[in-house]
């Protein structure tokens, strides 16, 4: 490790959480591919998370916050700084009959089920999304006509410039698979406003959502879900299919034959192969359909051939 990285690692040792050096990110992403994080830290508290990010910022070291790693590809050269994982930040607090405050690392399936158990509707269709709440708010994750942004009342956001403050829903500018939040802003907590509904009906709705998801999205290997956003007026998978890319393969990475907006790791796929296949699909669809597909997944880190310190995030 460089001197700056070594010093940051030592400083982080005073914070409560799990701290690792050169941790393979393949262990923390749903694609099961990718190189190591120079420092991997799983804070036990939100204060620990923000303290770690402050320390990295002061040292001039790049940082990345991840949840379940279900929408992320880390290149094979790894991430040359701090990766802070929010999975331990999963506390829930029920505020009123129809409101819940949740930390950023709460898993969406758990949040949907716990809400349904209390007869609270609004996120039941998100039960099959294998991500965390913080990441879901950033990209306005959704399924079956529901989006997390529809239920957000306010969110506590941190940045190095502005510190931590609550922002109302109207400030977050939710739209299809996006919000106004930038890569340098971190969701710490979210307050959701839900609505009362019969728990049995919610259970039926969740069962139906999971059944439909498993039927259409049980694919051939580890994946990150939908790789591309749906262009306005089109479905990405239909464009990919029209371009003849179903089953297209580079090394151990393949466009799923079941759902061709998924790219699967057939076993031993490298992040480079996955990224090359993403680029090939985007270029081929644009050439044959005249529409440029935009990735829904985030790609970070260095290629193996990059020099130390060079980051292509």
Protein backbone atom coordinates (compact mmCIF):
# COMPACT_ATOMS: atom_id res chain seq x y z
CA UNK A 1 0.00 0.00 0.00
CA UNK A 2 1.10 3.56 -0.60
CA UNK A 3 2.01 5.72 2.38
CA UNK A 4 -1.25 7.67 2.23
CA UNK A 5 -3.32 4.48 2.06
CA UNK A 6 -1.35 2.96 4.95
CA UNK A 7 -1.91 6.04 7.10
CA UNK A 8 -5.64 6.08 6.32
CA UNK A 9 -5.86 2.39 7.21
CA UNK A 10 -4.25 3.10 10.58
CA UNK A 11 -6.59 6.05 11.22
CA UNK A 12 -9.66 3.99 10.39
CA UNK A 13 -8.59 1.44 12.99
CA UNK A 14 -9.97 3.76 15.67
CA UNK A 15 -13.51 3.47 14.27
CA UNK A 16 -16.01 0.75 15.14
CA UNK A 17 -16.45 -1.65 12.24
CA UNK A 18 -14.80 -4.28 10.07
CA UNK A 19 -11.58 -3.12 8.40
CA UNK A 20 -9.74 -5.07 5.69
CA UNK A 21 -6.83 -4.51 3.29
CA UNK A 22 -6.89 -5.48 -0.38
CA UNK A 23 -10.34 -7.04 -0.08
CA UNK A 24 -11.57 -8.68 -3.33
CA UNK A 25 -14.71 -6.86 -4.43
CA UNK A 26 -15.88 -10.04 -6.14
CA UNK A 27 -16.97 -11.03 -2.62
CA UNK A 28 -19.16 -7.94 -2.32
CA UNK A 29 -20.84 -7.60 -5.73
CA UNK A 30 -23.59 -9.70 -7.22
CA UNK A 31 -21.59 -10.27 -10.45
CA UNK A 32 -18.95 -12.12 -8.39
CA UNK A 33 -16.21 -10.38 -10.36
CA UNK A 34 -13.79 -7.52 -9.85
CA UNK A 35 -10.49 -6.60 -8.27
CA UNK A 36 -9.63 -5.60 -4.69
CA UNK A 37 -10.41 -2.49 -2.70
CA UNK A 38 -7.22 -1.02 -1.24
CA UNK A 39 -9.20 -0.50 1.97
CA UNK A 40 -12.57 -2.08 2.73
CA UNK A 41 -14.49 -0.77 5.75
CA UNK A 42 -17.88 -1.84 7.03
CA UNK A 43 -18.82 0.77 9.67
CA UNK A 44 -21.03 -0.17 12.58
CA UNK A 45 -22.68 3.26 12.79
CA UNK A 46 -23.62 6.14 10.54
CA UNK A 47 -21.21 8.38 12.44
CA UNK A 48 -18.49 5.86 11.66
CA UNK A 49 -19.38 6.00 7.98
CA UNK A 50 -19.17 9.78 7.74
CA UNK A 51 -15.99 9.87 9.84
CA UNK A 52 -14.34 7.39 7.47
CA UNK A 53 -15.34 9.42 4.42
CA UNK A 54 -14.04 12.61 6.05
CA UNK A 55 -10.70 10.95 6.77
CA UNK A 56 -10.41 9.71 3.19
CA UNK A 57 -11.34 13.13 1.81
CA UNK A 58 -8.80 14.89 4.01
CA UNK A 59 -6.11 12.47 2.80
CA UNK A 60 -7.04 12.99 -0.85
CA UNK A 61 -7.89 9.32 -1.25
CA UNK A 62 -10.83 8.29 -3.46
CA UNK A 63 -13.80 6.71 -1.74
CA UNK A 64 -16.81 4.70 -2.76
CA UNK A 65 -19.92 3.80 -0.77
CA UNK A 66 -21.56 0.47 -1.60
CA UNK A 67 -24.58 -1.38 -0.27
CA UNK A 68 -25.35 -4.86 -1.55
CA UNK A 69 -23.16 -4.40 -4.62
CA UNK A 70 -26.07 -5.49 -6.80
CA UNK A 71 -25.75 -2.67 -9.32
CA UNK A 72 -21.96 -2.37 -9.43
CA UNK A 73 -19.01 -3.55 -11.49
CA UNK A 74 -15.51 -3.04 -10.07
CA UNK A 75 -12.81 -3.34 -12.71
CA UNK A 76 -10.14 -6.04 -12.40
CA UNK A 77 -7.46 -3.61 -11.23
CA UNK A 78 -9.61 -2.89 -8.20
CA UNK A 79 -10.55 0.34 -6.45
CA UNK A 80 -7.49 2.36 -5.37
CA UNK A 81 -8.96 3.85 -2.22
CA UNK A 82 -11.60 3.34 0.45
CA UNK A 83 -14.71 1.25 -0.14
CA UNK A 84 -17.23 1.81 2.67
CA UNK A 85 -19.94 -0.85 2.85
CA UNK A 86 -23.26 0.06 4.50
CA UNK A 87 -24.60 -3.45 5.10
CA UNK A 88 -24.37 -3.12 8.92
CA UNK A 89 -26.35 0.14 8.89
CA UNK A 90 -29.75 -1.52 8.91
CA UNK A 91 -31.74 -0.02 11.77
CA UNK A 92 -35.46 0.71 11.40
CA UNK A 93 -37.57 3.09 13.48
CA UNK A 94 -41.36 3.23 13.12
CA UNK A 95 -42.36 6.88 13.57
CA UNK A 96 -46.15 6.96 13.25
CA UNK A 97 -48.81 4.63 11.95
CA UNK A 98 -47.65 5.19 8.39
CA UNK A 99 -44.03 6.36 8.59
CA UNK A 100 -40.72 4.60 8.96
CA UNK A 101 -37.19 5.93 9.30
CA UNK A 102 -34.54 3.56 8.00
CA UNK A 103 -30.77 3.60 7.74
CA UNK A 104 -29.15 3.40 4.33
CA UNK A 105 -28.04 -0.23 4.61
CA UNK A 106 -31.49 -1.72 5.18
CA UNK A 107 -32.19 -4.38 2.54
CA UNK A 108 -35.18 -3.54 0.33
CA UNK A 109 -36.76 -7.01 0.69
CA UNK A 110 -36.65 -6.73 4.49
CA UNK A 111 -38.07 -3.20 4.42
CA UNK A 112 -40.90 -4.27 2.11
CA UNK A 113 -41.78 -7.31 4.24
CA UNK A 114 -41.61 -5.48 7.57
CA UNK A 115 -43.81 -2.72 6.17
CA UNK A 116 -46.33 -5.22 4.83
CA UNK A 117 -46.45 -6.99 8.20
CA UNK A 118 -47.59 -3.67 9.68
CA UNK A 119 -50.18 -3.20 6.93
CA UNK A 120 -48.21 -0.44 5.19
CA UNK A 121 -48.27 -0.22 1.41
CA UNK A 122 -46.18 1.59 -1.17
CA UNK A 123 -43.08 -0.54 -1.55
CA UNK A 124 -44.45 -4.10 -1.68
CA UNK A 125 -43.50 -4.50 -5.35
CA UNK A 126 -39.86 -3.77 -4.47
CA UNK A 127 -39.60 -6.94 -2.38
CA UNK A 128 -37.61 -8.73 -5.09
CA UNK A 129 -34.96 -6.03 -5.61
CA UNK A 130 -31.71 -7.29 -4.01
CA UNK A 131 -30.38 -3.87 -3.03
CA UNK A 132 -30.17 -1.52 -0.06
CA UNK A 133 -32.30 1.52 0.64
CA UNK A 134 -29.56 4.13 0.21
CA UNK A 135 -28.60 2.95 -3.26
CA UNK A 136 -32.26 2.55 -4.18
CA UNK A 137 -32.94 6.22 -3.39
CA UNK A 138 -29.97 7.39 -5.48
CA UNK A 139 -31.22 5.61 -8.61
CA UNK A 140 -34.94 5.70 -7.72
CA UNK A 141 -35.19 1.93 -7.94
CA UNK A 142 -38.54 0.54 -8.99
CA UNK A 143 -40.54 -2.48 -10.11
CA UNK A 144 -44.06 -3.20 -11.32
CA UNK A 145 -45.06 0.44 -11.40
CA UNK A 146 -43.73 1.33 -7.95
CA UNK A 147 -40.62 3.47 -7.36
CA UNK A 148 -38.95 4.16 -4.04
CA UNK A 149 -39.08 7.90 -4.74
CA UNK A 150 -42.86 7.81 -4.58
CA UNK A 151 -42.71 7.04 -0.86
CA UNK A 152 -39.70 9.12 0.23
CA UNK A 153 -40.76 11.94 2.54
CA UNK A 154 -37.23 13.17 3.19
CA UNK A 155 -33.66 11.85 3.30
CA UNK A 156 -30.56 12.71 5.30
CA UNK A 157 -27.72 13.34 2.88
CA UNK A 158 -24.01 13.78 3.60
CA UNK A 159 -21.37 15.54 1.51
CA UNK A 160 -17.92 16.84 2.40
CA UNK A 161 -18.93 20.36 1.43
CA UNK A 162 -22.28 20.51 3.19
CA UNK A 163 -21.99 17.96 5.97
CA UNK A 164 -25.18 16.14 6.92
CA UNK A 165 -28.67 17.57 6.46
CA UNK A 166 -32.22 16.43 5.78
CA UNK A 167 -33.63 17.12 2.31
CA UNK A 168 -37.30 17.05 1.42
CA UNK A 169 -38.58 14.85 -1.37
CA UNK A 170 -39.06 17.86 -3.67
CA UNK A 171 -35.32 18.59 -3.45
CA UNK A 172 -34.36 15.14 -4.71
CA UNK A 173 -35.91 15.50 -8.18
CA UNK A 174 -36.89 11.86 -8.67
CA UNK A 175 -37.39 10.62 -12.23
CA UNK A 176 -37.09 7.29 -14.04
CA UNK A 177 -34.06 5.51 -12.52
CA UNK A 178 -32.46 8.67 -11.25
CA UNK A 179 -32.47 11.42 -8.66
CA UNK A 180 -30.60 14.69 -8.32
CA UNK A 181 -28.03 13.09 -6.00
CA UNK A 182 -24.42 13.00 -7.21
CA UNK A 183 -21.60 10.50 -6.67
CA UNK A 184 -20.20 12.77 -3.95
CA UNK A 185 -23.40 12.71 -1.91
CA UNK A 186 -24.29 9.83 0.39
CA UNK A 187 -27.72 8.82 1.63
CA UNK A 188 -27.51 8.18 5.38
CA UNK A 189 -31.14 7.77 6.44
CA UNK A 190 -34.52 7.90 4.75
CA UNK A 191 -37.99 8.63 6.06
CA UNK A 192 -40.77 6.96 4.09
CA UNK A 193 -44.45 7.90 4.11
CA UNK A 194 -46.52 4.79 3.42
CA UNK A 195 -50.26 4.14 3.45
CA UNK A 196 -52.45 1.72 5.38
CA UNK A 197 -53.70 -1.39 3.64
CA UNK A 198 -54.83 -4.89 4.56
CA UNK A 199 -51.73 -7.02 5.38
CA UNK A 200 -53.17 -10.10 3.67
CA UNK A 201 -53.59 -8.17 0.41
CA UNK A 202 -50.04 -6.89 0.71
CA UNK A 203 -48.76 -10.42 1.20
CA UNK A 204 -50.62 -11.49 -1.94
CA UNK A 205 -49.14 -8.57 -3.87
CA UNK A 206 -45.61 -9.42 -2.71
CA UNK A 207 -46.05 -13.09 -3.57
CA UNK A 208 -47.26 -12.13 -7.04
CA UNK A 209 -44.33 -9.73 -7.52
CA UNK A 210 -41.79 -12.37 -6.47
CA UNK A 211 -43.39 -15.04 -8.66
CA UNK A 212 -43.33 -12.77 -11.71
CA UNK A 213 -39.74 -11.73 -11.01
CA UNK A 214 -38.52 -15.29 -10.60
CA UNK A 215 -40.31 -16.39 -13.75
CA UNK A 216 -38.71 -13.71 -15.94
CA UNK A 217 -35.41 -13.13 -14.13
CA UNK A 218 -34.14 -16.53 -13.00
CA UNK A 219 -31.10 -16.56 -15.26
CA UNK A 220 -27.99 -18.64 -15.87
CA UNK A 221 -25.57 -17.19 -13.32
CA UNK A 222 -24.54 -14.29 -11.08
CA UNK A 223 -25.67 -10.96 -12.47
CA UNK A 224 -26.47 -7.34 -11.63
CA UNK A 225 -30.05 -7.30 -12.80
CA UNK A 226 -30.97 -5.00 -15.66
CA UNK A 227 -27.79 -3.64 -17.22
CA UNK A 228 -29.37 -0.89 -19.34
CA UNK A 229 -32.08 1.68 -18.70
CA UNK A 230 -35.18 1.52 -20.85
CA UNK A 231 -34.99 4.33 -23.45
CA UNK A 232 -38.12 6.43 -23.66
CA UNK A 233 -40.75 4.55 -25.62
CA UNK A 234 -38.72 1.33 -25.76
CA UNK A 235 -37.71 -1.67 -23.69
CA UNK A 236 -33.99 -2.29 -23.56
CA UNK A 237 -34.33 -6.08 -23.71
CA UNK A 238 -36.39 -5.88 -26.90
CA UNK A 239 -33.74 -3.74 -28.60
CA UNK A 240 -31.00 -6.14 -27.49
CA UNK A 241 -33.02 -9.08 -28.82
CA UNK A 242 -33.70 -7.28 -32.10
CA UNK A 243 -29.95 -6.75 -32.51
CA UNK A 244 -29.47 -10.53 -32.28
CA UNK A 245 -27.47 -10.42 -29.05
CA UNK A 246 -29.35 -12.96 -26.95
CA UNK A 247 -26.73 -15.50 -25.86
CA UNK A 248 -23.82 -13.36 -27.11
CA UNK A 249 -20.69 -14.20 -25.14
CA UNK A 250 -17.25 -12.80 -24.35
CA UNK A 251 -15.20 -15.19 -22.22
CA UNK A 252 -17.23 -16.12 -19.15
CA UNK A 253 -19.73 -13.27 -19.61
CA UNK A 254 -22.93 -13.84 -21.59
CA UNK A 255 -26.06 -11.93 -22.51
CA UNK A 256 -28.72 -14.03 -20.81
CA UNK A 257 -30.86 -16.20 -23.05
CA UNK A 258 -33.69 -15.87 -20.51
CA UNK A 259 -33.69 -12.08 -20.07
CA UNK A 260 -31.36 -10.35 -22.50
CA UNK A 261 -31.05 -7.13 -20.50
CA UNK A 262 -29.09 -9.26 -18.01
CA UNK A 263 -25.42 -10.13 -18.42
CA UNK A 264 -24.49 -13.25 -16.47
CA UNK A 265 -21.24 -14.62 -15.12
CA UNK A 266 -21.11 -18.20 -16.34
CA UNK A 267 -18.20 -18.91 -14.04
CA UNK A 268 -14.86 -17.18 -13.86
CA UNK A 269 -15.87 -14.13 -15.89
CA UNK A 270 -13.60 -11.15 -15.39
CA UNK A 271 -14.87 -7.62 -14.92
CA UNK A 272 -13.09 -6.77 -18.18
CA UNK A 273 -15.13 -9.37 -20.07
CA UNK A 274 -18.35 -8.08 -18.54
CA UNK A 275 -17.50 -4.46 -19.41
CA UNK A 276 -16.50 -5.43 -22.95
CA UNK A 277 -19.83 -7.17 -23.40
CA UNK A 278 -21.69 -4.12 -22.08
CA UNK A 279 -19.86 -1.94 -24.62
CA UNK A 280 -20.52 -4.41 -27.45
CA UNK A 281 -24.26 -4.53 -26.69
CA UNK A 282 -24.51 -0.74 -26.54
CA UNK A 283 -22.61 -0.27 -29.81
CA UNK A 284 -24.48 -3.04 -31.68
CA UNK A 285 -27.92 -1.79 -30.60
CA UNK A 286 -27.04 1.76 -31.64
CA UNK A 287 -25.78 0.56 -35.02
CA UNK A 288 -28.79 -1.65 -35.75
CA UNK A 289 -31.61 0.20 -33.98
CA UNK A 290 -30.36 3.78 -33.94
CA UNK A 291 -30.80 4.03 -30.16
CA UNK A 292 -27.96 4.38 -27.64
CA UNK A 293 -28.52 2.29 -24.51
CA UNK A 294 -27.33 3.85 -21.27
CA UNK A 295 -26.03 1.56 -18.50
CA UNK A 296 -28.06 1.30 -15.33
CA UNK A 297 -25.07 -0.26 -13.55
CA UNK A 298 -22.15 1.70 -12.10
CA UNK A 299 -18.63 0.85 -13.31
CA UNK A 300 -15.68 1.94 -11.16
CA UNK A 301 -12.01 1.32 -10.53
CA UNK A 302 -8.89 0.61 -12.54
CA UNK A 303 -8.17 -1.70 -15.40
CA UNK A 304 -5.35 -4.13 -14.65
CA UNK A 305 -3.05 -2.34 -17.08
CA UNK A 306 -3.57 1.06 -15.42
CA UNK A 307 -0.71 2.56 -13.48
CA UNK A 308 -1.03 2.70 -9.66
CA UNK A 309 -3.01 5.75 -8.66
CA UNK A 310 -4.87 5.97 -11.98
CA UNK A 311 -8.60 5.65 -11.46
CA UNK A 312 -11.19 5.60 -14.24
CA UNK A 313 -14.34 6.01 -12.19
